[in-house]
Amino acid sequence: MKKLSFFVAAALLAAACSPQVFPLYLEVRQPSASGLDLSHKSFSIAYMEGKDSLFDRSAASAMARKLEEDYFGGEEVVGLYKVPAADSVTLELMHSLVMDTEGDVIFLLSTQLGEPGPETNQAVSGARSLDSAYVCPVAVPVLTHLDIYDSLGEDKVLPFKGSTVLRPLVYNNGVVTDEGLKSLARQAMASNESEEVGRRLTRRFLSQWQTESFSFYYFDNFQVDVWVESLQYMNEGQFAKAVDIWKEQTKRGSAQKRACASYNIAMAFYLMEDYEMSSRWLSYASKLENLSLAPGLAKRLAARLEKK
């Protein structure tokens, strides 16, 4: 029994001295469905002057709000600009917009509204006024042309074209002519319907998210719980607090523990998207110890730094 107790104690001591691996699962932002990686970039949205510029401004404004929600936490940082109408969108025009708006990515919107087509005018049950006693859906074709230029990417204009048919509901008195219905439909398009177009246009440029696993080292020492505490901070998204704890661990203990703490700091900086600091700490960890997790982080860093 004494011999068995000795081996059990030795095994527990070895486990306490050996690093364990803790997997942390996080949602990671991916490039948009368009293929464009728009994270950490500033945006500007321009629209062309013309007969439908009121519609375009409203659609561009809706685009700006959706982009702000996704990339900037709702902060109003996307500027709107009006530019003269042009027969074609050139690189020179986009270069000029980059200089004028100071946005990394320029969205240039132009639309063309087709001839409204009134459908069946129907009586409204329980109408409160004569002017809204009838309602008529009006089909309006919409052609959209969105040109995008990423000044931090390839030096080319990316065109995105689309078409849809919107059916604004036009309330009326029942005796209005088709021309009157068309006029009312155009007014509705310039307000409510234009925002729907803007939201639709933005969908392909919003972030996609993917769950990924990120591994950290810890030491199972019940007398010193700083490793567990730091991982709890990571799990709560308080990366900087975890880094502060690990920095203290790089000043004490064996080379292995100092290397593991340094690696964890490197992974934390990677998640904070400070890739230069992550590389520095990973290099320092590798000088102290040959860690099995280091090549995986090095590969991730290489991929990120290549994009920059």
Protein backbone atom coordinates (compact mmCIF):
# COMPACT_ATOMS: atom_id res chain seq x y z
CA MET A 1 0.00 0.00 0.00
CA LYS A 2 2.83 2.36 0.82
CA LYS A 3 4.45 1.68 -2.55
CA LEU A 4 1.12 2.29 -4.33
CA SER A 5 0.62 5.58 -2.49
CA PHE A 6 4.10 6.67 -3.50
CA PHE A 7 3.40 6.08 -7.20
CA VAL A 8 0.02 7.82 -7.00
CA ALA A 9 1.65 10.82 -5.36
CA ALA A 10 4.37 10.84 -8.00
CA ALA A 11 1.77 10.74 -10.79
CA LEU A 12 -0.15 13.64 -9.26
CA LEU A 13 3.05 15.63 -8.90
CA ALA A 14 3.95 15.00 -12.53
CA ALA A 15 0.47 16.10 -13.66
CA ALA A 16 0.80 19.29 -11.63
CA CYS A 17 4.16 20.05 -13.22
CA SER A 18 3.14 19.22 -16.78
CA PRO A 19 1.18 21.72 -18.88
CA GLN A 20 -2.40 20.86 -19.79
CA VAL A 21 -4.19 22.14 -22.89
CA PHE A 22 -7.43 24.10 -22.61
CA PRO A 23 -9.50 24.59 -25.81
CA LEU A 24 -11.44 27.84 -26.09
CA TYR A 25 -14.21 28.03 -28.72
CA LEU A 26 -14.94 31.47 -30.17
CA GLU A 27 -16.95 32.95 -33.03
CA VAL A 28 -14.46 34.40 -35.50
CA ARG A 29 -15.28 36.98 -38.17
CA GLN A 30 -14.78 35.70 -41.71
CA PRO A 31 -14.80 37.53 -45.07
CA SER A 32 -18.24 38.48 -46.37
CA ALA A 33 -20.18 36.38 -48.89
CA SER A 34 -18.83 38.70 -51.59
CA GLY A 35 -15.34 37.42 -50.82
CA LEU A 36 -14.22 40.82 -49.53
CA ASP A 37 -12.58 40.99 -46.12
CA LEU A 38 -13.83 44.33 -44.81
CA SER A 39 -12.79 44.05 -41.16
CA HIS A 40 -10.61 46.83 -39.73
CA LYS A 41 -11.29 49.10 -42.69
CA SER A 42 -13.12 52.41 -42.96
CA PHE A 43 -16.02 52.79 -45.42
CA SER A 44 -17.53 55.58 -47.47
CA ILE A 45 -20.71 55.33 -49.56
CA ALA A 46 -21.28 57.55 -52.57
CA TYR A 47 -24.28 57.79 -54.86
CA MET A 48 -24.68 59.40 -58.26
CA GLU A 49 -26.74 62.46 -59.05
CA GLY A 50 -29.74 61.89 -61.30
CA LYS A 51 -33.51 61.64 -61.37
CA ASP A 52 -33.43 58.83 -58.82
CA SER A 53 -30.80 60.38 -56.54
CA LEU A 54 -33.32 60.81 -53.69
CA PHE A 55 -33.99 57.07 -53.84
CA ASP A 56 -30.25 56.36 -54.04
CA ARG A 57 -29.45 58.55 -51.04
CA SER A 58 -32.03 56.75 -48.91
CA ALA A 59 -30.74 53.34 -50.06
CA ALA A 60 -27.14 54.40 -49.38
CA SER A 61 -28.13 55.58 -45.92
CA ALA A 62 -29.69 52.18 -45.16
CA MET A 63 -26.49 50.50 -46.37
CA ALA A 64 -24.44 52.70 -44.06
CA ARG A 65 -26.55 51.78 -41.02
CA LYS A 66 -26.26 48.03 -41.70
CA LEU A 67 -22.48 48.24 -42.19
CA GLU A 68 -22.13 50.29 -39.01
CA GLU A 69 -24.13 47.71 -37.05
CA ASP A 70 -21.98 44.84 -38.29
CA TYR A 71 -18.48 46.31 -38.30
CA PHE A 72 -18.58 49.24 -35.85
CA GLY A 73 -21.08 48.26 -33.16
CA GLY A 74 -23.63 50.79 -34.42
CA GLU A 75 -21.29 53.79 -34.24
CA GLU A 76 -22.11 56.31 -36.96
CA VAL A 77 -18.83 56.38 -38.86
CA VAL A 78 -19.77 55.70 -42.50
CA GLY A 79 -19.98 58.90 -44.53
CA LEU A 80 -22.41 59.55 -47.41
CA TYR A 81 -21.33 61.48 -50.50
CA LYS A 82 -22.99 62.61 -53.73
CA VAL A 83 -21.01 62.56 -56.97
CA PRO A 84 -21.86 63.74 -60.50
CA ALA A 85 -23.42 61.14 -62.76
CA ALA A 86 -20.98 59.28 -65.00
CA ASP A 87 -21.44 56.91 -67.94
CA SER A 88 -18.82 54.54 -66.52
CA VAL A 89 -16.99 53.97 -63.24
CA THR A 90 -13.22 54.16 -63.65
CA LEU A 91 -10.26 53.57 -61.40
CA GLU A 92 -9.47 57.27 -61.64
CA LEU A 93 -12.91 58.10 -60.24
CA MET A 94 -12.47 55.66 -57.36
CA HIS A 95 -8.97 56.95 -56.60
CA SER A 96 -10.44 60.45 -56.42
CA LEU A 97 -13.18 59.27 -54.03
CA VAL A 98 -10.59 57.67 -51.76
CA MET A 99 -8.77 61.00 -51.56
CA ASP A 100 -11.97 63.01 -51.06
CA THR A 101 -13.68 60.75 -48.52
CA GLU A 102 -10.62 59.23 -46.80
CA GLY A 103 -12.36 55.86 -46.73
CA ASP A 104 -10.39 52.65 -47.20
CA VAL A 105 -13.33 51.07 -49.06
CA ILE A 106 -15.60 53.02 -51.40
CA PHE A 107 -19.12 51.89 -52.30
CA LEU A 108 -20.54 53.75 -55.29
CA LEU A 109 -24.27 53.22 -55.82
CA SER A 110 -26.47 54.01 -58.77
CA THR A 111 -29.96 52.67 -59.46
CA GLN A 112 -32.49 52.87 -62.24
CA LEU A 113 -36.20 52.71 -61.46
CA GLY A 114 -38.38 51.25 -64.18
CA GLU A 115 -41.91 52.28 -65.13
CA PRO A 116 -44.33 51.59 -62.25
CA GLY A 117 -47.12 49.11 -63.09
CA PRO A 118 -50.28 49.52 -61.01
CA GLU A 119 -52.02 46.25 -60.21
CA THR A 120 -55.55 45.72 -58.87
CA ASN A 121 -56.95 48.58 -56.77
CA GLN A 122 -58.88 47.06 -53.85
CA ALA A 123 -61.19 48.52 -51.23
CA VAL A 124 -59.83 48.65 -47.68
CA SER A 125 -62.10 47.20 -45.00
CA GLY A 126 -62.64 49.65 -42.15
CA ALA A 127 -60.83 52.54 -43.85
CA ARG A 128 -60.68 55.65 -41.65
CA SER A 129 -60.52 58.21 -44.47
CA LEU A 130 -61.50 58.55 -48.10
CA ASP A 131 -57.88 59.03 -49.13
CA SER A 132 -57.03 55.54 -47.82
CA ALA A 133 -60.24 53.75 -48.77
CA TYR A 134 -58.41 51.78 -51.46
CA VAL A 135 -54.99 50.19 -51.73
CA CYS A 136 -53.13 49.25 -54.88
CA PRO A 137 -49.85 47.29 -55.13
CA VAL A 138 -47.63 48.89 -57.77
CA ALA A 139 -44.85 46.82 -59.35
CA VAL A 140 -41.66 48.86 -59.81
CA PRO A 141 -38.59 47.25 -61.47
CA VAL A 142 -35.29 48.31 -59.90
CA LEU A 143 -31.84 47.89 -61.46
CA THR A 144 -28.93 48.32 -59.08
CA HIS A 145 -25.28 48.93 -59.88
CA LEU A 146 -22.87 48.92 -56.96
CA ASP A 147 -19.17 49.49 -57.65
CA ILE A 148 -16.66 48.82 -54.89
CA TYR A 149 -13.04 49.82 -54.57
CA ASP A 150 -10.83 48.58 -51.73
CA SER A 151 -7.78 50.83 -51.56
CA LEU A 152 -6.05 48.27 -49.30
CA GLY A 153 -6.63 45.42 -51.73
CA GLU A 154 -6.23 44.93 -55.46
CA ASP A 155 -6.19 48.08 -57.58
CA LYS A 156 -9.41 47.35 -59.43
CA VAL A 157 -13.10 48.22 -59.37
CA LEU A 158 -15.44 45.38 -58.38
CA PRO A 159 -18.89 45.70 -59.99
CA PHE A 160 -22.01 44.13 -58.48
CA LYS A 161 -25.20 44.32 -60.52
CA GLY A 162 -28.67 43.20 -59.58
CA SER A 163 -32.36 43.62 -60.26
CA THR A 164 -35.56 43.20 -58.33
CA VAL A 165 -39.23 44.16 -58.47
CA LEU A 166 -40.68 46.01 -55.50
CA ARG A 167 -44.40 46.39 -54.86
CA PRO A 168 -45.11 49.41 -52.67
CA LEU A 169 -48.70 49.63 -51.44
CA VAL A 170 -50.35 52.84 -52.61
CA TYR A 171 -53.35 53.98 -50.57
CA ASN A 172 -55.80 56.15 -52.50
CA ASN A 173 -59.42 57.29 -52.85
CA GLY A 174 -60.39 54.76 -55.51
CA VAL A 175 -60.84 57.27 -58.34
CA VAL A 176 -57.18 58.20 -58.87
CA THR A 177 -55.85 57.57 -62.37
CA ASP A 178 -53.05 55.14 -63.24
CA GLU A 179 -50.72 58.10 -63.66
CA GLY A 180 -51.67 59.24 -60.18
CA LEU A 181 -50.96 55.77 -58.80
CA LYS A 182 -47.58 55.78 -60.52
CA SER A 183 -46.73 59.15 -59.00
CA LEU A 184 -47.71 57.95 -55.53
CA ALA A 185 -45.63 54.81 -56.05
CA ARG A 186 -42.56 56.87 -56.92
CA GLN A 187 -43.00 58.84 -53.69
CA ALA A 188 -43.23 55.61 -51.70
CA MET A 189 -40.14 54.23 -53.45
CA ALA A 190 -38.09 57.25 -52.42
CA SER A 191 -38.81 56.61 -48.74
CA ASN A 192 -39.70 53.15 -47.38
CA GLU A 193 -38.86 50.98 -50.39
CA SER A 194 -35.42 52.50 -50.94
CA GLU A 195 -34.37 51.41 -47.44
CA GLU A 196 -35.32 47.82 -48.29
CA VAL A 197 -33.12 47.97 -51.40
CA GLY A 198 -30.23 49.30 -49.31
CA ARG A 199 -30.60 46.47 -46.80
CA ARG A 200 -30.70 43.87 -49.58
CA LEU A 201 -27.60 45.30 -51.23
CA THR A 202 -25.65 45.14 -47.99
CA ARG A 203 -26.32 41.48 -47.15
CA ARG A 204 -23.49 40.08 -49.27
CA PHE A 205 -20.98 42.44 -47.62
CA LEU A 206 -21.79 41.63 -43.99
CA SER A 207 -19.47 39.47 -41.91
CA GLN A 208 -19.78 35.73 -41.84
CA TRP A 209 -18.94 33.98 -38.57
CA GLN A 210 -17.34 30.64 -37.88
CA THR A 211 -16.65 28.80 -34.64
CA GLU A 212 -12.95 28.08 -34.16
CA SER A 213 -10.94 26.44 -31.41
CA PHE A 214 -7.98 28.22 -29.80
CA SER A 215 -5.73 26.27 -27.43
CA PHE A 216 -4.05 27.57 -24.28
CA TYR A 217 -1.71 26.05 -21.74
CA TYR A 218 -2.42 25.82 -18.03
CA PHE A 219 -0.98 24.09 -15.00
CA ASP A 220 -3.32 22.19 -12.70
CA ASN A 221 -2.02 23.47 -9.39
CA PHE A 222 -4.70 23.78 -6.72
CA GLN A 223 -2.51 26.01 -4.59
CA VAL A 224 -1.97 28.54 -7.37
CA ASP A 225 -5.12 29.18 -9.41
CA VAL A 226 -3.84 32.07 -11.55
CA TRP A 227 -3.83 29.86 -14.63
CA VAL A 228 -7.51 29.02 -14.16
CA GLU A 229 -8.33 32.65 -13.42
CA SER A 230 -6.65 33.82 -16.61
CA LEU A 231 -8.57 31.27 -18.69
CA GLN A 232 -11.82 32.46 -17.12
CA TYR A 233 -10.98 35.98 -18.28
CA MET A 234 -10.33 34.64 -21.78
CA ASN A 235 -13.66 32.83 -21.77
CA GLU A 236 -15.38 36.11 -20.82
CA GLY A 237 -13.64 38.01 -23.60
CA GLN A 238 -11.47 40.03 -21.19
CA PHE A 239 -8.27 39.24 -23.05
CA ALA A 240 -6.20 42.13 -21.64
CA LYS A 241 -6.80 40.98 -18.05
CA ALA A 242 -5.63 37.48 -18.93
CA VAL A 243 -2.50 38.90 -20.54
CA ASP A 244 -1.68 40.85 -17.36
CA ILE A 245 -1.78 37.62 -15.34
CA TRP A 246 0.35 35.68 -17.83
CA LYS A 247 2.93 38.46 -17.98
CA GLU A 248 3.56 37.94 -14.28
CA GLN A 249 4.05 34.21 -14.94
CA THR A 250 6.76 34.95 -17.52
CA LYS A 251 8.91 36.36 -14.71
CA ARG A 252 8.93 33.29 -12.48
CA GLY A 253 9.04 29.50 -12.49
CA SER A 254 10.68 27.06 -14.87
CA ALA A 255 11.49 27.81 -18.49
CA GLN A 256 8.58 25.59 -19.49
CA LYS A 257 6.06 27.59 -17.45
CA ARG A 258 7.47 30.88 -18.69
CA ALA A 259 7.24 29.58 -22.27
CA CYS A 260 3.64 28.45 -21.80
CA ALA A 261 2.66 31.83 -20.37
CA SER A 262 4.39 33.57 -23.28
CA TYR A 263 2.59 31.35 -25.77
CA ASN A 264 -0.75 32.16 -24.11
CA ILE A 265 0.03 35.86 -24.38
CA ALA A 266 0.81 35.38 -28.08
CA MET A 267 -2.54 33.66 -28.62
CA ALA A 268 -4.37 36.39 -26.69
CA PHE A 269 -2.78 39.09 -28.86
CA TYR A 270 -3.74 37.06 -31.92
CA LEU A 271 -7.37 37.12 -30.80
CA MET A 272 -7.05 40.86 -30.17
CA GLU A 273 -5.80 41.05 -33.80
CA ASP A 274 -2.48 42.59 -32.81
CA TYR A 275 -0.46 40.22 -34.96
CA GLU A 276 2.89 41.94 -34.51
CA MET A 277 2.76 41.60 -30.72
CA SER A 278 1.55 38.04 -31.11
CA SER A 279 4.56 37.22 -33.28
CA ARG A 280 6.97 38.73 -30.75
CA TRP A 281 5.59 36.74 -27.83
CA LEU A 282 5.46 33.53 -29.85
CA SER A 283 9.11 34.00 -30.83
CA TYR A 284 10.04 34.54 -27.19
CA ALA A 285 8.11 31.41 -26.12
CA SER A 286 9.87 29.32 -28.77
CA LYS A 287 13.29 30.44 -27.53
CA LEU A 288 12.41 29.18 -24.05
CA GLU A 289 10.82 25.85 -24.97
CA ASN A 290 9.83 23.72 -27.95
CA LEU A 291 6.03 23.84 -27.46
CA SER A 292 3.75 21.54 -29.43
CA LEU A 293 1.09 24.24 -29.95
CA ALA A 294 3.49 26.85 -31.32
CA PRO A 295 3.52 25.70 -34.99
CA GLY A 296 -0.27 25.98 -35.20
CA LEU A 297 -0.26 29.58 -34.00
CA ALA A 298 2.69 30.37 -36.29
CA LYS A 299 0.67 29.12 -39.25
CA ARG A 300 -2.32 31.24 -38.29
CA LEU A 301 -0.11 34.30 -37.90
CA ALA A 302 1.55 33.76 -41.27
CA ALA A 303 -1.86 33.66 -42.96
CA ARG A 304 -2.98 36.89 -41.27
CA LEU A 305 0.25 38.77 -41.91
CA GLU A 306 0.19 37.73 -45.56
CA LYS A 307 -3.23 39.39 -45.97
CA LYS A 308 -1.85 42.60 -44.50
